[in-house]
Amino acid sequence: MKRTLMLTVLAGIVLSAFGLYGDNQPPHVQRVGMVIGIKPDRISAYEALHAASNPGVRDLLNKYHMHNFSIYIQKLDNGQYVLFGYYEYTGSDYKADMARLAVEPRNEKWLSMTDPLQMPLAGQTSWTKMQEIYHNP
């Protein structure tokens, strides 16, 4: 009895170590923060494109492992508006997934609607990825 119990416990430890027993380990998450300006007179149009009733490209974000995608807006002291975007990437090949997303016809159409409303930061052509300096897991 003791030997059977010991073997069962040992097997569970080995299977857990190889990820074969249960899924209690969270997948690797790459957090991405980004920023871009938005034309003040186009904020309402931008909000309408992102309304809950518009599915946009949400399914494509999931397809390419982009989760918890959020966009925030803030008016700065100088009157300029900026958008802050955040998402969590859970795939294994970020560069390849972003390349595949970039050529999805619906994503290209989506960007053709949103890009004219935005104002990239100086020297940029789209959203600027931000450097993470702190994360509290």
N, C-alpha and C. Protein backbone atom coordinates (compact mmCIF):
# COMPACT_ATOMS: atom_id res chain seq x y z
N MET A 1 0.82 -1.19 0.00
CA MET A 1 0.00 0.00 0.00
C MET A 1 0.87 1.26 0.00
N LYS A 2 1.87 1.29 0.91
CA LYS A 2 2.75 2.45 0.96
C LYS A 2 3.50 2.61 -0.35
N ARG A 3 3.94 1.47 -0.92
CA ARG A 3 4.70 1.54 -2.18
C ARG A 3 3.81 2.07 -3.31
N THR A 4 2.56 1.65 -3.38
CA THR A 4 1.62 2.12 -4.41
C THR A 4 1.37 3.61 -4.25
N LEU A 5 1.16 4.05 -3.02
CA LEU A 5 0.94 5.46 -2.75
C LEU A 5 2.17 6.27 -3.14
N MET A 6 3.35 5.77 -2.78
CA MET A 6 4.60 6.46 -3.11
C MET A 6 4.79 6.56 -4.62
N LEU A 7 4.50 5.49 -5.36
CA LEU A 7 4.64 5.49 -6.81
C LEU A 7 3.63 6.44 -7.45
N THR A 8 2.42 6.49 -6.90
CA THR A 8 1.40 7.40 -7.42
C THR A 8 1.82 8.85 -7.23
N VAL A 9 2.32 9.18 -6.07
CA VAL A 9 2.79 10.55 -5.79
C VAL A 9 3.96 10.90 -6.69
N LEU A 10 4.91 9.99 -6.81
CA LEU A 10 6.07 10.21 -7.66
C LEU A 10 5.66 10.40 -9.12
N ALA A 11 4.73 9.60 -9.59
CA ALA A 11 4.25 9.73 -10.98
C ALA A 11 3.59 11.08 -11.18
N GLY A 12 2.83 11.53 -10.21
CA GLY A 12 2.19 12.85 -10.30
C GLY A 12 3.20 13.97 -10.38
N ILE A 13 4.26 13.86 -9.60
CA ILE A 13 5.32 14.88 -9.62
C ILE A 13 6.00 14.90 -10.98
N VAL A 14 6.33 13.74 -11.51
CA VAL A 14 7.00 13.65 -12.81
C VAL A 14 6.10 14.19 -13.91
N LEU A 15 4.83 13.77 -13.92
CA LEU A 15 3.90 14.24 -14.94
C LEU A 15 3.70 15.75 -14.85
N SER A 16 3.63 16.28 -13.64
CA SER A 16 3.49 17.73 -13.47
C SER A 16 4.70 18.47 -14.01
N ALA A 17 5.87 17.92 -13.76
CA ALA A 17 7.11 18.55 -14.23
C ALA A 17 7.15 18.64 -15.74
N PHE A 18 6.55 17.66 -16.41
CA PHE A 18 6.56 17.65 -17.88
C PHE A 18 5.28 18.25 -18.46
N GLY A 19 4.43 18.82 -17.61
CA GLY A 19 3.22 19.47 -18.08
C GLY A 19 2.16 18.49 -18.58
N LEU A 20 2.24 17.24 -18.18
CA LEU A 20 1.31 16.24 -18.67
C LEU A 20 0.15 15.98 -17.71
N TYR A 21 0.25 16.51 -16.54
CA TYR A 21 -0.76 16.26 -15.52
C TYR A 21 -1.31 17.61 -15.07
N GLY A 22 -2.49 17.93 -15.51
CA GLY A 22 -3.08 19.21 -15.14
C GLY A 22 -2.44 20.35 -15.93
N ASP A 23 -3.07 21.51 -15.85
CA ASP A 23 -2.55 22.68 -16.55
C ASP A 23 -2.51 23.84 -15.56
N ASN A 24 -1.73 23.68 -14.51
CA ASN A 24 -1.67 24.72 -13.50
C ASN A 24 -0.58 25.75 -13.76
N GLN A 25 0.18 25.58 -14.82
CA GLN A 25 1.21 26.55 -15.17
C GLN A 25 0.64 27.53 -16.20
N PRO A 26 0.65 28.83 -15.91
CA PRO A 26 0.14 29.78 -16.90
C PRO A 26 1.07 29.83 -18.11
N PRO A 27 0.50 30.09 -19.30
CA PRO A 27 1.36 30.19 -20.48
C PRO A 27 2.25 31.42 -20.38
N HIS A 28 3.32 31.42 -21.13
CA HIS A 28 4.20 32.58 -21.17
C HIS A 28 3.40 33.76 -21.72
N VAL A 29 3.46 34.88 -21.06
CA VAL A 29 2.72 36.07 -21.49
C VAL A 29 3.72 37.19 -21.75
N GLN A 30 3.63 37.76 -22.92
CA GLN A 30 4.43 38.94 -23.26
C GLN A 30 3.47 40.12 -23.24
N ARG A 31 3.68 41.05 -22.31
CA ARG A 31 2.83 42.23 -22.20
C ARG A 31 3.34 43.30 -23.16
N VAL A 32 2.41 43.94 -23.88
CA VAL A 32 2.79 44.96 -24.85
C VAL A 32 1.99 46.23 -24.55
N GLY A 33 2.71 47.33 -24.36
CA GLY A 33 2.11 48.64 -24.21
C GLY A 33 2.52 49.49 -25.40
N MET A 34 1.61 50.30 -25.88
CA MET A 34 1.93 51.13 -27.05
C MET A 34 1.16 52.44 -26.97
N VAL A 35 1.65 53.44 -27.70
CA VAL A 35 1.06 54.77 -27.64
C VAL A 35 1.02 55.37 -29.05
N ILE A 36 0.00 56.20 -29.28
CA ILE A 36 -0.14 56.91 -30.55
C ILE A 36 -1.05 58.11 -30.30
N GLY A 37 -0.89 59.16 -31.07
CA GLY A 37 -1.78 60.30 -30.97
C GLY A 37 -3.07 60.03 -31.73
N ILE A 38 -4.07 60.85 -31.46
CA ILE A 38 -5.32 60.77 -32.21
C ILE A 38 -5.79 62.18 -32.53
N LYS A 39 -6.33 62.35 -33.71
CA LYS A 39 -6.82 63.67 -34.12
C LYS A 39 -8.05 64.01 -33.29
N PRO A 40 -8.04 65.16 -32.60
CA PRO A 40 -9.15 65.49 -31.70
C PRO A 40 -10.52 65.46 -32.36
N ASP A 41 -10.60 65.87 -33.60
CA ASP A 41 -11.89 65.90 -34.28
C ASP A 41 -12.33 64.52 -34.78
N ARG A 42 -11.52 63.50 -34.55
CA ARG A 42 -11.83 62.14 -35.02
C ARG A 42 -12.05 61.16 -33.87
N ILE A 43 -12.06 61.67 -32.63
CA ILE A 43 -12.22 60.80 -31.46
C ILE A 43 -13.55 60.05 -31.50
N SER A 44 -14.63 60.75 -31.82
CA SER A 44 -15.95 60.09 -31.86
C SER A 44 -15.98 58.98 -32.90
N ALA A 45 -15.38 59.22 -34.06
CA ALA A 45 -15.34 58.20 -35.10
C ALA A 45 -14.51 57.00 -34.64
N TYR A 46 -13.42 57.26 -33.95
CA TYR A 46 -12.56 56.19 -33.44
C TYR A 46 -13.31 55.37 -32.40
N GLU A 47 -14.01 56.06 -31.51
CA GLU A 47 -14.80 55.35 -30.49
C GLU A 47 -15.89 54.51 -31.13
N ALA A 48 -16.53 55.03 -32.17
CA ALA A 48 -17.60 54.28 -32.85
C ALA A 48 -17.04 53.00 -33.49
N LEU A 49 -15.85 53.09 -34.08
CA LEU A 49 -15.24 51.90 -34.67
C LEU A 49 -14.96 50.83 -33.62
N HIS A 50 -14.66 51.26 -32.41
CA HIS A 50 -14.30 50.33 -31.34
C HIS A 50 -15.47 50.01 -30.41
N ALA A 51 -16.66 50.43 -30.77
CA ALA A 51 -17.84 50.17 -29.93
C ALA A 51 -18.06 48.67 -29.76
N ALA A 52 -18.66 48.32 -28.65
CA ALA A 52 -18.91 46.91 -28.34
C ALA A 52 -19.73 46.21 -29.42
N SER A 53 -20.59 46.96 -30.11
CA SER A 53 -21.43 46.35 -31.14
C SER A 53 -20.69 46.08 -32.45
N ASN A 54 -19.47 46.60 -32.59
CA ASN A 54 -18.69 46.40 -33.81
C ASN A 54 -17.63 45.32 -33.55
N PRO A 55 -17.78 44.15 -34.20
CA PRO A 55 -16.80 43.08 -33.94
C PRO A 55 -15.41 43.40 -34.49
N GLY A 56 -15.32 44.29 -35.48
CA GLY A 56 -14.01 44.68 -36.01
C GLY A 56 -13.14 43.49 -36.31
N VAL A 57 -11.99 43.43 -35.67
CA VAL A 57 -11.03 42.34 -35.90
C VAL A 57 -10.76 41.56 -34.62
N ARG A 58 -11.69 41.58 -33.69
CA ARG A 58 -11.47 40.92 -32.39
C ARG A 58 -11.13 39.45 -32.52
N ASP A 59 -11.79 38.76 -33.45
CA ASP A 59 -11.48 37.34 -33.63
C ASP A 59 -10.07 37.14 -34.16
N LEU A 60 -9.58 38.08 -34.96
CA LEU A 60 -8.21 37.98 -35.47
C LEU A 60 -7.20 38.19 -34.34
N LEU A 61 -7.51 39.07 -33.41
CA LEU A 61 -6.61 39.27 -32.27
C LEU A 61 -6.46 37.96 -31.50
N ASN A 62 -7.57 37.29 -31.26
CA ASN A 62 -7.50 36.00 -30.56
C ASN A 62 -6.76 34.96 -31.39
N LYS A 63 -7.01 34.94 -32.69
CA LYS A 63 -6.35 33.98 -33.58
C LYS A 63 -4.83 34.10 -33.50
N TYR A 64 -4.34 35.32 -33.35
CA TYR A 64 -2.90 35.55 -33.30
C TYR A 64 -2.40 35.78 -31.87
N HIS A 65 -3.13 35.25 -30.91
CA HIS A 65 -2.67 35.15 -29.51
C HIS A 65 -2.56 36.50 -28.79
N MET A 66 -3.39 37.46 -29.17
CA MET A 66 -3.39 38.77 -28.52
C MET A 66 -4.65 38.86 -27.64
N HIS A 67 -4.45 38.90 -26.34
CA HIS A 67 -5.56 38.86 -25.39
C HIS A 67 -5.54 40.07 -24.47
N ASN A 68 -6.67 40.33 -23.84
CA ASN A 68 -6.82 41.47 -22.92
C ASN A 68 -6.44 42.78 -23.61
N PHE A 69 -6.79 42.90 -24.88
CA PHE A 69 -6.46 44.10 -25.64
C PHE A 69 -7.34 45.24 -25.14
N SER A 70 -6.72 46.32 -24.74
CA SER A 70 -7.43 47.49 -24.23
C SER A 70 -6.83 48.74 -24.85
N ILE A 71 -7.67 49.75 -25.07
CA ILE A 71 -7.21 51.05 -25.55
C ILE A 71 -7.79 52.12 -24.64
N TYR A 72 -6.93 53.03 -24.19
CA TYR A 72 -7.31 54.14 -23.32
C TYR A 72 -7.01 55.44 -24.05
N ILE A 73 -7.72 56.50 -23.67
CA ILE A 73 -7.47 57.82 -24.25
C ILE A 73 -7.17 58.81 -23.12
N GLN A 74 -6.27 59.76 -23.41
CA GLN A 74 -5.93 60.78 -22.43
C GLN A 74 -5.62 62.09 -23.13
N LYS A 75 -6.16 63.17 -22.62
CA LYS A 75 -5.82 64.50 -23.11
C LYS A 75 -4.64 65.01 -22.30
N LEU A 76 -3.58 65.43 -22.98
CA LEU A 76 -2.39 65.95 -22.32
C LEU A 76 -2.55 67.44 -22.02
N ASP A 77 -1.64 67.95 -21.20
CA ASP A 77 -1.69 69.37 -20.83
C ASP A 77 -1.61 70.29 -22.04
N ASN A 78 -0.92 69.85 -23.10
CA ASN A 78 -0.78 70.70 -24.29
C ASN A 78 -1.99 70.61 -25.22
N GLY A 79 -3.02 69.88 -24.82
CA GLY A 79 -4.25 69.76 -25.61
C GLY A 79 -4.26 68.57 -26.57
N GLN A 80 -3.12 67.94 -26.73
CA GLN A 80 -3.05 66.78 -27.62
C GLN A 80 -3.69 65.57 -26.93
N TYR A 81 -4.35 64.75 -27.73
CA TYR A 81 -4.90 63.49 -27.21
C TYR A 81 -4.00 62.34 -27.62
N VAL A 82 -3.82 61.40 -26.71
CA VAL A 82 -3.05 60.20 -27.01
C VAL A 82 -3.87 58.97 -26.65
N LEU A 83 -3.60 57.91 -27.38
CA LEU A 83 -4.19 56.61 -27.09
C LEU A 83 -3.10 55.73 -26.51
N PHE A 84 -3.44 54.99 -25.49
CA PHE A 84 -2.54 54.01 -24.92
C PHE A 84 -3.18 52.65 -25.14
N GLY A 85 -2.45 51.74 -25.78
CA GLY A 85 -2.95 50.40 -26.02
C GLY A 85 -2.16 49.39 -25.22
N TYR A 86 -2.84 48.33 -24.82
CA TYR A 86 -2.21 47.27 -24.05
C TYR A 86 -2.80 45.93 -24.47
N TYR A 87 -1.94 44.92 -24.61
CA TYR A 87 -2.42 43.56 -24.82
C TYR A 87 -1.39 42.58 -24.29
N GLU A 88 -1.84 41.35 -24.16
CA GLU A 88 -0.98 40.26 -23.71
C GLU A 88 -0.87 39.25 -24.84
N TYR A 89 0.34 38.97 -25.23
CA TYR A 89 0.61 38.00 -26.30
C TYR A 89 0.97 36.66 -25.65
N THR A 90 0.25 35.61 -26.05
CA THR A 90 0.47 34.29 -25.43
C THR A 90 0.99 33.25 -26.41
N GLY A 91 1.31 33.65 -27.62
CA GLY A 91 1.83 32.71 -28.60
C GLY A 91 3.31 32.43 -28.39
N SER A 92 3.88 31.70 -29.34
CA SER A 92 5.29 31.32 -29.21
C SER A 92 6.19 32.00 -30.25
N ASP A 93 5.60 32.70 -31.23
CA ASP A 93 6.40 33.36 -32.26
C ASP A 93 5.76 34.70 -32.60
N TYR A 94 6.07 35.70 -31.78
CA TYR A 94 5.46 37.03 -31.90
C TYR A 94 5.65 37.62 -33.29
N LYS A 95 6.87 37.60 -33.76
CA LYS A 95 7.18 38.21 -35.06
C LYS A 95 6.37 37.56 -36.18
N ALA A 96 6.31 36.25 -36.21
CA ALA A 96 5.56 35.54 -37.25
C ALA A 96 4.06 35.81 -37.14
N ASP A 97 3.53 35.80 -35.92
CA ASP A 97 2.09 36.07 -35.75
C ASP A 97 1.75 37.48 -36.19
N MET A 98 2.58 38.46 -35.86
CA MET A 98 2.30 39.84 -36.27
C MET A 98 2.40 39.99 -37.79
N ALA A 99 3.32 39.26 -38.42
CA ALA A 99 3.44 39.30 -39.88
C ALA A 99 2.19 38.71 -40.52
N ARG A 100 1.68 37.60 -39.99
CA ARG A 100 0.46 36.98 -40.54
C ARG A 100 -0.75 37.88 -40.32
N LEU A 101 -0.84 38.49 -39.15
CA LEU A 101 -1.95 39.41 -38.88
C LEU A 101 -1.92 40.59 -39.84
N ALA A 102 -0.73 41.09 -40.13
CA ALA A 102 -0.59 42.28 -40.98
C ALA A 102 -1.15 42.05 -42.38
N VAL A 103 -1.15 40.82 -42.86
CA VAL A 103 -1.62 40.56 -44.24
C VAL A 103 -3.03 39.97 -44.28
N GLU A 104 -3.69 39.89 -43.14
CA GLU A 104 -5.09 39.46 -43.12
C GLU A 104 -5.92 40.55 -43.80
N PRO A 105 -6.70 40.21 -44.82
CA PRO A 105 -7.49 41.24 -45.53
C PRO A 105 -8.39 42.07 -44.62
N ARG A 106 -9.05 41.44 -43.65
CA ARG A 106 -9.92 42.22 -42.75
C ARG A 106 -9.11 43.15 -41.85
N ASN A 107 -7.91 42.74 -41.47
CA ASN A 107 -7.06 43.62 -40.67
C ASN A 107 -6.58 44.79 -41.52
N GLU A 108 -6.21 44.53 -42.76
CA GLU A 108 -5.79 45.61 -43.65
C GLU A 108 -6.92 46.63 -43.82
N LYS A 109 -8.15 46.13 -43.99
CA LYS A 109 -9.31 47.03 -44.12
C LYS A 109 -9.51 47.82 -42.83
N TRP A 110 -9.40 47.12 -41.69
CA TRP A 110 -9.56 47.78 -40.39
C TRP A 110 -8.55 48.92 -40.24
N LEU A 111 -7.29 48.64 -40.55
CA LEU A 111 -6.25 49.66 -40.42
C LEU A 111 -6.48 50.82 -41.39
N SER A 112 -7.07 50.54 -42.55
CA SER A 112 -7.36 51.62 -43.50
C SER A 112 -8.42 52.57 -42.95
N MET A 113 -9.22 52.09 -41.98
CA MET A 113 -10.23 52.94 -41.35
C MET A 113 -9.68 53.66 -40.11
N THR A 114 -8.81 52.97 -39.35
CA THR A 114 -8.34 53.57 -38.10
C THR A 114 -7.10 54.44 -38.27
N ASP A 115 -6.20 54.05 -39.18
CA ASP A 115 -4.95 54.80 -39.34
C ASP A 115 -5.16 56.29 -39.63
N PRO A 116 -6.11 56.66 -40.52
CA PRO A 116 -6.28 58.10 -40.80
C PRO A 116 -6.76 58.92 -39.61
N LEU A 117 -7.27 58.26 -38.59
CA LEU A 117 -7.76 58.96 -37.40
C LEU A 117 -6.64 59.21 -36.39
N GLN A 118 -5.55 58.51 -36.56
CA GLN A 118 -4.44 58.55 -35.60
C GLN A 118 -3.32 59.48 -36.07
N MET A 119 -2.50 59.87 -35.11
CA MET A 119 -1.33 60.69 -35.39
C MET A 119 -0.12 60.03 -34.73
N PRO A 120 0.68 59.27 -35.50
CA PRO A 120 1.86 58.62 -34.91
C PRO A 120 2.80 59.64 -34.29
N LEU A 121 3.54 59.20 -33.30
CA LEU A 121 4.55 60.06 -32.68
C LEU A 121 5.62 60.41 -33.72
N ALA A 122 6.34 61.47 -33.46
CA ALA A 122 7.38 61.93 -34.39
C ALA A 122 8.34 60.79 -34.74
N GLY A 123 8.57 60.61 -36.03
CA GLY A 123 9.50 59.59 -36.50
C GLY A 123 8.90 58.19 -36.60
N GLN A 124 7.63 58.04 -36.26
CA GLN A 124 6.97 56.73 -36.31
C GLN A 124 5.93 56.71 -37.42
N THR A 125 5.50 55.51 -37.80
CA THR A 125 4.47 55.39 -38.84
C THR A 125 3.18 54.81 -38.30
N SER A 126 3.18 54.31 -37.07
CA SER A 126 2.01 53.72 -36.46
C SER A 126 2.19 53.77 -34.94
N TRP A 127 1.54 52.84 -34.24
CA TRP A 127 1.69 52.76 -32.79
C TRP A 127 3.16 52.60 -32.43
N THR A 128 3.60 53.24 -31.37
CA THR A 128 4.95 53.09 -30.85
C THR A 128 4.92 52.14 -29.67
N LYS A 129 5.66 51.04 -29.76
CA LYS A 129 5.74 50.11 -28.63
C LYS A 129 6.51 50.78 -27.50
N MET A 130 6.02 50.60 -26.31
CA MET A 130 6.62 51.20 -25.12
C MET A 130 7.49 50.17 -24.41
N GLN A 131 8.46 50.64 -23.67
CA GLN A 131 9.32 49.76 -22.88
C GLN A 131 8.69 49.56 -21.52
N GLU A 132 8.53 48.30 -21.13
CA GLU A 132 8.01 48.01 -19.80
C GLU A 132 9.12 48.23 -18.78
N ILE A 133 8.83 48.99 -17.75
CA ILE A 133 9.84 49.21 -16.71
C ILE A 133 9.45 48.58 -15.38
N TYR A 134 8.20 48.17 -15.24
CA TYR A 134 7.78 47.54 -14.00
C TYR A 134 6.54 46.69 -14.24
N HIS A 135 6.48 45.55 -13.57
CA HIS A 135 5.29 44.69 -13.61
C HIS A 135 5.15 44.02 -12.25
N ASN A 136 3.97 44.09 -11.68
CA ASN A 136 3.71 43.42 -10.41
C ASN A 136 2.88 42.18 -10.69
N PRO A 137 3.52 41.02 -10.72
CA PRO A 137 2.76 39.81 -11.05
C PRO A 137 1.82 39.50 -9.97
